[in-house]
Amino acid sequence: MVRDHAAPGGVIGRSKTVRATSLEMNMKTQSQSELIAQIAESTNTPIKDVEVAYQRACDALRKDAKFHDYLPLFAAKRIAAEFRKPAAR
């Protein structure tokens, strides 16, 4: 028998607890503009660049998505990771 469980700061899961990052936890309660501002601040990227990247990520994910509930989360995670990568030289 597999039980549902959660740990402090974690997400309910089966057979293991997945820890949510502070960005993921904040994404659940933030508006799109607040989320974009947070990513811009945390990555030292102009807000306009983050807005454009966020919209592109949402559009790309929306094409193949069967469920749209988590698109903002996935788009935000995608662009945050993209802006945190070191620039290629």
N, C-alpha and C. Protein backbone atom coordinates (compact mmCIF):
# COMPACT_ATOMS: atom_id res chain seq x y z
N MET A 1 0.83 -1.17 0.00
CA MET A 1 0.00 0.00 0.00
C MET A 1 0.88 1.24 0.00
N VAL A 2 0.60 2.18 -0.90
CA VAL A 2 1.36 3.42 -0.99
C VAL A 2 0.55 4.52 -0.31
N ARG A 3 1.21 5.29 0.53
CA ARG A 3 0.51 6.34 1.25
C ARG A 3 0.90 7.71 0.72
N ASP A 4 -0.04 8.61 0.75
CA ASP A 4 0.26 10.01 0.43
C ASP A 4 0.90 10.62 1.67
N HIS A 5 1.89 11.45 1.43
CA HIS A 5 2.54 12.11 2.55
C HIS A 5 3.13 13.43 2.08
N ALA A 6 3.46 14.26 3.03
CA ALA A 6 4.10 15.55 2.71
C ALA A 6 5.04 15.90 3.85
N ALA A 7 6.06 16.63 3.51
CA ALA A 7 7.01 17.11 4.50
C ALA A 7 6.90 18.63 4.56
N PRO A 8 7.37 19.23 5.64
CA PRO A 8 7.32 20.69 5.71
C PRO A 8 8.02 21.30 4.50
N GLY A 9 7.34 22.20 3.82
CA GLY A 9 7.90 22.84 2.63
C GLY A 9 7.84 21.96 1.41
N GLY A 10 7.22 20.79 1.54
CA GLY A 10 7.16 19.85 0.43
C GLY A 10 5.79 19.81 -0.20
N VAL A 11 5.66 18.99 -1.18
CA VAL A 11 4.42 18.82 -1.91
C VAL A 11 3.95 17.40 -1.69
N ILE A 12 2.66 17.20 -1.54
CA ILE A 12 2.16 15.85 -1.34
C ILE A 12 2.52 15.01 -2.55
N GLY A 13 3.06 13.84 -2.29
CA GLY A 13 3.47 12.97 -3.38
C GLY A 13 3.29 11.53 -2.99
N ARG A 14 3.54 10.67 -3.92
CA ARG A 14 3.47 9.24 -3.63
C ARG A 14 4.88 8.68 -3.62
N SER A 15 5.19 7.96 -2.61
CA SER A 15 6.44 7.25 -2.40
C SER A 15 7.64 8.15 -2.20
N LYS A 16 7.53 9.44 -2.45
CA LYS A 16 8.60 10.36 -2.11
C LYS A 16 8.04 11.77 -2.03
N THR A 17 8.71 12.62 -1.29
CA THR A 17 8.29 14.00 -1.16
C THR A 17 9.15 14.84 -2.08
N VAL A 18 8.50 15.68 -2.85
CA VAL A 18 9.19 16.57 -3.76
C VAL A 18 9.18 17.94 -3.12
N ARG A 19 10.33 18.50 -2.94
CA ARG A 19 10.44 19.83 -2.32
C ARG A 19 10.16 20.91 -3.35
N ALA A 20 9.35 21.86 -2.98
CA ALA A 20 9.05 23.00 -3.84
C ALA A 20 10.07 24.10 -3.55
N THR A 21 10.59 24.72 -4.59
CA THR A 21 11.50 25.84 -4.40
C THR A 21 10.71 27.06 -3.98
N SER A 22 11.39 28.07 -3.46
CA SER A 22 10.69 29.27 -3.05
C SER A 22 10.02 29.93 -4.25
N LEU A 23 10.64 29.86 -5.43
CA LEU A 23 10.03 30.42 -6.62
C LEU A 23 8.72 29.71 -6.94
N GLU A 24 8.72 28.38 -6.86
CA GLU A 24 7.51 27.61 -7.14
C GLU A 24 6.41 27.92 -6.13
N MET A 25 6.78 28.04 -4.86
CA MET A 25 5.79 28.31 -3.83
C MET A 25 5.18 29.69 -4.04
N ASN A 26 5.99 30.67 -4.43
CA ASN A 26 5.48 32.02 -4.66
C ASN A 26 4.63 32.09 -5.92
N MET A 27 4.91 31.23 -6.90
CA MET A 27 4.16 31.25 -8.15
C MET A 27 2.69 30.91 -7.94
N LYS A 28 2.40 30.17 -6.91
CA LYS A 28 1.02 29.75 -6.67
C LYS A 28 0.13 30.91 -6.27
N THR A 29 0.71 31.96 -5.69
CA THR A 29 -0.10 33.04 -5.17
C THR A 29 0.14 34.38 -5.88
N GLN A 30 1.06 34.43 -6.80
CA GLN A 30 1.40 35.69 -7.45
C GLN A 30 0.66 35.88 -8.76
N SER A 31 0.44 37.12 -9.10
CA SER A 31 -0.10 37.44 -10.41
C SER A 31 1.03 37.31 -11.43
N GLN A 32 0.67 37.30 -12.68
CA GLN A 32 1.65 37.16 -13.75
C GLN A 32 2.67 38.31 -13.70
N SER A 33 2.22 39.53 -13.49
CA SER A 33 3.14 40.67 -13.46
C SER A 33 4.09 40.61 -12.26
N GLU A 34 3.59 40.14 -11.11
CA GLU A 34 4.45 39.98 -9.94
C GLU A 34 5.49 38.89 -10.18
N LEU A 35 5.07 37.82 -10.80
CA LEU A 35 5.96 36.72 -11.11
C LEU A 35 7.07 37.16 -12.06
N ILE A 36 6.70 37.88 -13.10
CA ILE A 36 7.68 38.39 -14.06
C ILE A 36 8.66 39.33 -13.36
N ALA A 37 8.16 40.20 -12.50
CA ALA A 37 9.02 41.12 -11.77
C ALA A 37 9.99 40.37 -10.86
N GLN A 38 9.52 39.31 -10.20
CA GLN A 38 10.38 38.53 -9.32
C GLN A 38 11.49 37.85 -10.12
N ILE A 39 11.15 37.27 -11.26
CA ILE A 39 12.16 36.60 -12.09
C ILE A 39 13.17 37.63 -12.60
N ALA A 40 12.68 38.79 -13.03
CA ALA A 40 13.57 39.85 -13.51
C ALA A 40 14.55 40.27 -12.42
N GLU A 41 14.04 40.46 -11.22
CA GLU A 41 14.89 40.88 -10.10
C GLU A 41 15.90 39.79 -9.72
N SER A 42 15.44 38.56 -9.64
CA SER A 42 16.32 37.48 -9.18
C SER A 42 17.38 37.11 -10.22
N THR A 43 17.15 37.45 -11.47
CA THR A 43 18.12 37.11 -12.52
C THR A 43 18.83 38.35 -13.08
N ASN A 44 18.54 39.51 -12.51
CA ASN A 44 19.12 40.77 -12.99
C ASN A 44 18.90 40.95 -14.48
N THR A 45 17.66 40.76 -14.90
CA THR A 45 17.26 40.85 -16.30
C THR A 45 16.19 41.93 -16.41
N PRO A 46 16.23 42.75 -17.47
CA PRO A 46 15.18 43.75 -17.63
C PRO A 46 13.79 43.11 -17.71
N ILE A 47 12.81 43.76 -17.09
CA ILE A 47 11.45 43.22 -17.05
C ILE A 47 10.92 42.97 -18.46
N LYS A 48 11.19 43.87 -19.38
CA LYS A 48 10.69 43.71 -20.75
C LYS A 48 11.20 42.41 -21.37
N ASP A 49 12.48 42.08 -21.14
CA ASP A 49 13.04 40.83 -21.67
C ASP A 49 12.36 39.61 -21.06
N VAL A 50 12.09 39.68 -19.76
CA VAL A 50 11.41 38.58 -19.08
C VAL A 50 9.98 38.44 -19.59
N GLU A 51 9.29 39.56 -19.79
CA GLU A 51 7.92 39.51 -20.31
C GLU A 51 7.86 38.83 -21.67
N VAL A 52 8.79 39.20 -22.56
CA VAL A 52 8.82 38.61 -23.90
C VAL A 52 9.11 37.11 -23.82
N ALA A 53 10.10 36.74 -23.01
CA ALA A 53 10.45 35.33 -22.87
C ALA A 53 9.32 34.53 -22.24
N TYR A 54 8.65 35.12 -21.26
CA TYR A 54 7.53 34.45 -20.59
C TYR A 54 6.40 34.19 -21.59
N GLN A 55 6.08 35.19 -22.39
CA GLN A 55 5.01 35.03 -23.37
C GLN A 55 5.36 33.96 -24.41
N ARG A 56 6.60 33.96 -24.87
CA ARG A 56 7.05 32.93 -25.83
C ARG A 56 6.95 31.54 -25.21
N ALA A 57 7.39 31.42 -23.96
CA ALA A 57 7.33 30.12 -23.28
C ALA A 57 5.89 29.66 -23.12
N CYS A 58 5.00 30.57 -22.74
CA CYS A 58 3.58 30.21 -22.60
C CYS A 58 3.00 29.76 -23.94
N ASP A 59 3.31 30.50 -24.99
CA ASP A 59 2.81 30.15 -26.32
C ASP A 59 3.32 28.79 -26.77
N ALA A 60 4.60 28.52 -26.54
CA ALA A 60 5.19 27.24 -26.95
C ALA A 60 4.58 26.09 -26.17
N LEU A 61 4.40 26.27 -24.87
CA LEU A 61 3.82 25.21 -24.04
C LEU A 61 2.34 25.01 -24.35
N ARG A 62 1.63 26.08 -24.64
CA ARG A 62 0.19 26.02 -24.88
C ARG A 62 -0.14 25.16 -26.10
N LYS A 63 0.74 25.17 -27.11
CA LYS A 63 0.47 24.41 -28.34
C LYS A 63 0.25 22.93 -28.08
N ASP A 64 1.03 22.35 -27.19
CA ASP A 64 0.97 20.90 -26.96
C ASP A 64 0.30 20.51 -25.65
N ALA A 65 -0.13 21.48 -24.88
CA ALA A 65 -0.68 21.18 -23.55
C ALA A 65 -2.10 20.64 -23.63
N LYS A 66 -2.34 19.60 -22.87
CA LYS A 66 -3.69 19.07 -22.73
C LYS A 66 -4.39 19.75 -21.57
N PHE A 67 -3.63 20.13 -20.57
CA PHE A 67 -4.13 20.83 -19.40
C PHE A 67 -3.38 22.15 -19.29
N HIS A 68 -4.11 23.21 -19.03
CA HIS A 68 -3.50 24.53 -19.02
C HIS A 68 -3.34 25.12 -17.62
N ASP A 69 -3.70 24.38 -16.60
CA ASP A 69 -3.65 24.89 -15.23
C ASP A 69 -2.25 25.28 -14.78
N TYR A 70 -1.26 24.55 -15.22
CA TYR A 70 0.10 24.77 -14.73
C TYR A 70 1.01 25.46 -15.75
N LEU A 71 0.46 25.94 -16.86
CA LEU A 71 1.28 26.61 -17.86
C LEU A 71 2.07 27.78 -17.30
N PRO A 72 1.47 28.65 -16.49
CA PRO A 72 2.27 29.75 -15.94
C PRO A 72 3.46 29.27 -15.11
N LEU A 73 3.25 28.23 -14.33
CA LEU A 73 4.33 27.67 -13.52
C LEU A 73 5.45 27.14 -14.40
N PHE A 74 5.11 26.33 -15.41
CA PHE A 74 6.12 25.75 -16.28
C PHE A 74 6.84 26.81 -17.11
N ALA A 75 6.10 27.80 -17.58
CA ALA A 75 6.71 28.89 -18.35
C ALA A 75 7.68 29.68 -17.48
N ALA A 76 7.26 29.99 -16.26
CA ALA A 76 8.12 30.74 -15.34
C ALA A 76 9.38 29.96 -14.99
N LYS A 77 9.23 28.67 -14.71
CA LYS A 77 10.40 27.85 -14.41
C LYS A 77 11.35 27.80 -15.59
N ARG A 78 10.79 27.69 -16.79
CA ARG A 78 11.60 27.60 -18.01
C ARG A 78 12.41 28.88 -18.21
N ILE A 79 11.76 30.03 -18.10
CA ILE A 79 12.50 31.27 -18.36
C ILE A 79 13.45 31.62 -17.23
N ALA A 80 13.09 31.30 -15.99
CA ALA A 80 14.00 31.55 -14.87
C ALA A 80 15.29 30.76 -15.06
N ALA A 81 15.15 29.50 -15.46
CA ALA A 81 16.33 28.67 -15.71
C ALA A 81 17.14 29.21 -16.89
N GLU A 82 16.44 29.67 -17.90
CA GLU A 82 17.10 30.21 -19.09
C GLU A 82 17.94 31.44 -18.74
N PHE A 83 17.39 32.34 -17.95
CA PHE A 83 18.11 33.56 -17.60
C PHE A 83 19.20 33.31 -16.56
N ARG A 84 19.14 32.21 -15.84
CA ARG A 84 20.19 31.90 -14.87
C ARG A 84 21.38 31.21 -15.49
N LYS A 85 21.23 30.68 -16.70
CA LYS A 85 22.35 30.02 -17.38
C LYS A 85 23.44 31.04 -17.65
N PRO A 86 24.71 30.61 -17.49
CA PRO A 86 25.79 31.53 -17.85
C PRO A 86 25.78 31.80 -19.35
N ALA A 87 26.09 33.00 -19.72
CA ALA A 87 26.11 33.37 -21.15
C ALA A 87 27.22 32.62 -21.86
N ALA A 88 26.91 32.15 -23.07
CA ALA A 88 27.92 31.46 -23.88
C ALA A 88 28.93 32.48 -24.38
N ARG A 89 30.17 32.09 -24.38
CA ARG A 89 31.21 33.04 -24.82
C ARG A 89 31.77 32.66 -26.13
